[in-house]
Amino acid sequence: MGLFSKDIVTFDDLFLHQLQDVYYAENQITKALPKMVAKATAPALKQGFETHLRETEGQITRLERIFDLLGEKAKAVTCPAIDGIIKEANEVAGEIEDKAVLDAALIASAQAVEHYEITRYGTLIAWANQLGRADIAAILKETLDEEYATDDKLTAMATSSVNVKAEAVTA
């Protein structure tokens, strides 16, 4: 089903489709994060990625609970946006030899993922509230709060140490 396919007729259909989209995205992220852990060299960055992997697994569980609340089967639909963000991250990381610069690139890639998730969860919360599903909005808000916190941690890590070390690298 494409974003504007004939299968999306109602606002409820659109809401469900976006839940399926973010469900796919979270599952793809759980596949990408172990690779990021392996590539990261800064211990705090490795730990941050490992922590976020566990959070992401919990976010998937929350989404499955939302599908249950809606009386729907948890199902993913392909999300070209997250596929593109992950593909770009892999391509950029593959081109960088210096470990300090690589860590900076990994943070930038992780933040691209976080920003995507923040937009999706923010929209889903607004839509859940519009549909009278404050119960679902509250569950989604838990995840949105985690995404913001992860983004803040990545920013702090980048600006306090990782970017400084990357900047010091000379050709």
Protein backbone atom coordinates (compact mmCIF):
# COMPACT_ATOMS: atom_id res chain seq x y z
CA MET A 1 0.00 0.00 0.00
CA GLY A 2 1.46 3.34 -0.99
CA LEU A 3 0.94 6.47 1.08
CA PHE A 4 -1.84 7.72 -1.18
CA SER A 5 -3.16 4.39 -2.39
CA LYS A 6 -6.81 3.53 -2.75
CA ASP A 7 -6.51 1.41 0.42
CA ILE A 8 -6.36 4.59 2.49
CA VAL A 9 -9.85 6.01 2.47
CA THR A 10 -10.53 7.27 5.97
CA PHE A 11 -8.55 9.09 8.64
CA ASP A 12 -8.56 5.82 10.60
CA ASP A 13 -6.97 4.10 7.58
CA LEU A 14 -4.30 6.79 7.42
CA PHE A 15 -3.62 6.48 11.15
CA LEU A 16 -3.27 2.69 10.86
CA HIS A 17 -0.99 3.03 7.84
CA GLN A 18 1.32 5.41 9.70
CA LEU A 19 1.42 3.02 12.67
CA GLN A 20 2.42 0.23 10.28
CA ASP A 21 5.04 2.54 8.76
CA VAL A 22 6.63 3.36 12.11
CA TYR A 23 6.40 -0.32 13.15
CA TYR A 24 8.47 -1.18 10.08
CA ALA A 25 10.88 1.67 10.86
CA GLU A 26 11.44 0.54 14.45
CA ASN A 27 12.09 -3.02 13.29
CA GLN A 28 14.62 -1.78 10.73
CA ILE A 29 16.29 0.32 13.41
CA THR A 30 16.74 -2.77 15.61
CA LYS A 31 18.64 -4.33 12.71
CA ALA A 32 20.78 -1.23 12.11
CA LEU A 33 21.73 -0.42 15.71
CA PRO A 34 23.96 -3.48 16.31
CA LYS A 35 25.97 -2.48 13.23
CA MET A 36 26.33 1.03 14.63
CA VAL A 37 27.47 -0.39 17.97
CA ALA A 38 30.13 -2.39 16.12
CA LYS A 39 31.36 0.64 14.17
CA ALA A 40 31.39 3.14 17.05
CA THR A 41 34.69 3.62 18.83
CA ALA A 42 33.78 6.06 21.62
CA PRO A 43 32.71 3.93 24.60
CA ALA A 44 29.88 6.32 25.52
CA LEU A 45 28.58 6.18 21.96
CA LYS A 46 28.66 2.38 21.91
CA GLN A 47 26.79 2.34 25.24
CA GLY A 48 24.28 4.89 23.97
CA PHE A 49 23.50 2.79 20.90
CA GLU A 50 23.15 -0.35 23.05
CA THR A 51 20.77 1.47 25.40
CA HIS A 52 18.72 2.78 22.51
CA LEU A 53 18.50 -0.71 21.01
CA ARG A 54 16.82 -1.89 24.23
CA GLU A 55 14.54 1.17 24.17
CA THR A 56 13.64 0.47 20.55
CA GLU A 57 12.69 -3.10 21.42
CA GLY A 58 10.38 -1.65 24.08
CA GLN A 59 8.95 0.78 21.54
CA ILE A 60 8.09 -2.14 19.26
CA THR A 61 6.29 -3.80 22.16
CA ARG A 62 4.31 -0.58 22.74
CA LEU A 63 3.34 -0.45 19.08
CA GLU A 64 2.16 -4.06 19.27
CA ARG A 65 0.03 -3.09 22.28
CA ILE A 66 -1.47 -0.25 20.22
CA PHE A 67 -2.32 -2.63 17.38
CA ASP A 68 -4.06 -4.83 19.97
CA LEU A 69 -6.01 -1.86 21.32
CA LEU A 70 -7.15 -1.12 17.77
CA GLY A 71 -8.13 -4.76 17.17
CA GLU A 72 -5.55 -4.98 14.40
CA LYS A 73 -2.72 -7.41 13.74
CA ALA A 74 0.73 -5.88 14.15
CA LYS A 75 1.85 -5.46 10.56
CA ALA A 76 4.62 -3.46 8.96
CA VAL A 77 4.46 -1.59 5.67
CA THR A 78 7.67 -0.65 3.92
CA CYS A 79 8.92 2.79 4.86
CA PRO A 80 11.13 4.18 2.11
CA ALA A 81 12.13 7.10 4.34
CA ILE A 82 13.79 5.00 7.03
CA ASP A 83 15.29 2.70 4.40
CA GLY A 84 16.87 5.76 2.77
CA ILE A 85 18.18 7.18 6.05
CA ILE A 86 19.75 3.83 6.98
CA LYS A 87 21.19 3.33 3.49
CA GLU A 88 22.77 6.78 3.55
CA ALA A 89 24.23 6.13 7.01
CA ASN A 90 25.81 2.88 5.82
CA GLU A 91 27.24 4.54 2.72
CA VAL A 92 28.75 7.45 4.63
CA ALA A 93 30.15 5.22 7.37
CA GLY A 94 31.75 3.01 4.74
CA GLU A 95 33.63 5.96 3.29
CA ILE A 96 35.27 7.14 6.54
CA GLU A 97 38.59 5.76 7.71
CA ASP A 98 39.33 7.88 10.78
CA LYS A 99 37.56 6.56 13.87
CA ALA A 100 36.91 9.99 15.41
CA VAL A 101 35.33 11.26 12.21
CA LEU A 102 33.38 8.01 11.91
CA ASP A 103 31.91 8.52 15.40
CA ALA A 104 30.77 12.02 14.41
CA ALA A 105 29.15 10.60 11.28
CA LEU A 106 27.43 7.86 13.29
CA ILE A 107 25.93 10.46 15.62
CA ALA A 108 24.70 12.51 12.66
CA SER A 109 23.11 9.40 11.16
CA ALA A 110 21.52 8.42 14.46
CA GLN A 111 20.09 11.91 14.81
CA ALA A 112 18.59 11.71 11.31
CA VAL A 113 16.78 8.56 12.48
CA GLU A 114 15.68 10.23 15.73
CA HIS A 115 14.33 13.28 13.91
CA TYR A 116 12.36 11.05 11.55
CA GLU A 117 10.89 9.19 14.51
CA ILE A 118 10.08 12.42 16.34
CA THR A 119 8.06 13.67 13.36
CA ARG A 120 6.19 10.37 13.02
CA TYR A 121 5.36 10.01 16.70
CA GLY A 122 4.33 13.66 17.01
CA THR A 123 1.92 13.23 14.11
CA LEU A 124 0.57 9.94 15.46
CA ILE A 125 -0.09 11.51 18.87
CA ALA A 126 -2.04 14.36 17.28
CA TRP A 127 -4.02 11.93 15.15
CA ALA A 128 -4.73 9.58 18.08
CA ASN A 129 -6.08 12.53 20.06
CA GLN A 130 -8.18 13.64 17.09
CA LEU A 131 -9.61 10.14 16.85
CA GLY A 132 -10.54 10.19 20.54
CA ARG A 133 -7.83 7.69 21.51
CA ALA A 134 -6.09 9.44 24.38
CA ASP A 135 -5.08 5.98 25.63
CA ILE A 136 -3.07 5.39 22.47
CA ALA A 137 -1.72 8.95 22.45
CA ALA A 138 -0.34 8.38 25.96
CA ILE A 139 1.47 5.22 24.85
CA LEU A 140 2.91 7.00 21.83
CA LYS A 141 4.01 9.91 24.06
CA GLU A 142 6.19 7.52 26.08
CA THR A 143 8.07 6.68 22.90
CA LEU A 144 8.24 10.29 21.73
CA ASP A 145 9.78 11.27 25.07
CA GLU A 146 12.43 8.56 24.64
CA GLU A 147 13.21 9.77 21.12
CA TYR A 148 13.68 13.36 22.31
CA ALA A 149 15.88 12.17 25.18
CA THR A 150 18.03 10.10 22.82
CA ASP A 151 18.41 13.05 20.47
CA ASP A 152 19.44 15.29 23.39
CA LYS A 153 22.01 12.72 24.58
CA LEU A 154 23.45 12.45 21.07
CA THR A 155 23.72 16.23 20.80
CA ALA A 156 25.46 16.45 24.17
CA MET A 157 27.88 13.67 23.24
CA ALA A 158 28.64 15.28 19.89
CA THR A 159 29.21 18.78 21.18
CA SER A 160 31.12 17.85 24.33
CA SER A 161 33.59 15.35 22.89
CA VAL A 162 32.98 13.51 19.64
CA ASN A 163 32.92 16.52 17.32
CA VAL A 164 35.94 18.03 19.10
CA LYS A 165 37.95 14.87 18.45
CA ALA A 166 36.73 14.71 14.84
CA GLU A 167 37.69 18.34 14.24
CA ALA A 168 41.24 17.64 15.44
CA VAL A 169 41.77 15.12 12.64
CA THR A 170 43.97 16.44 9.88
CA ALA A 171 44.60 15.09 6.42
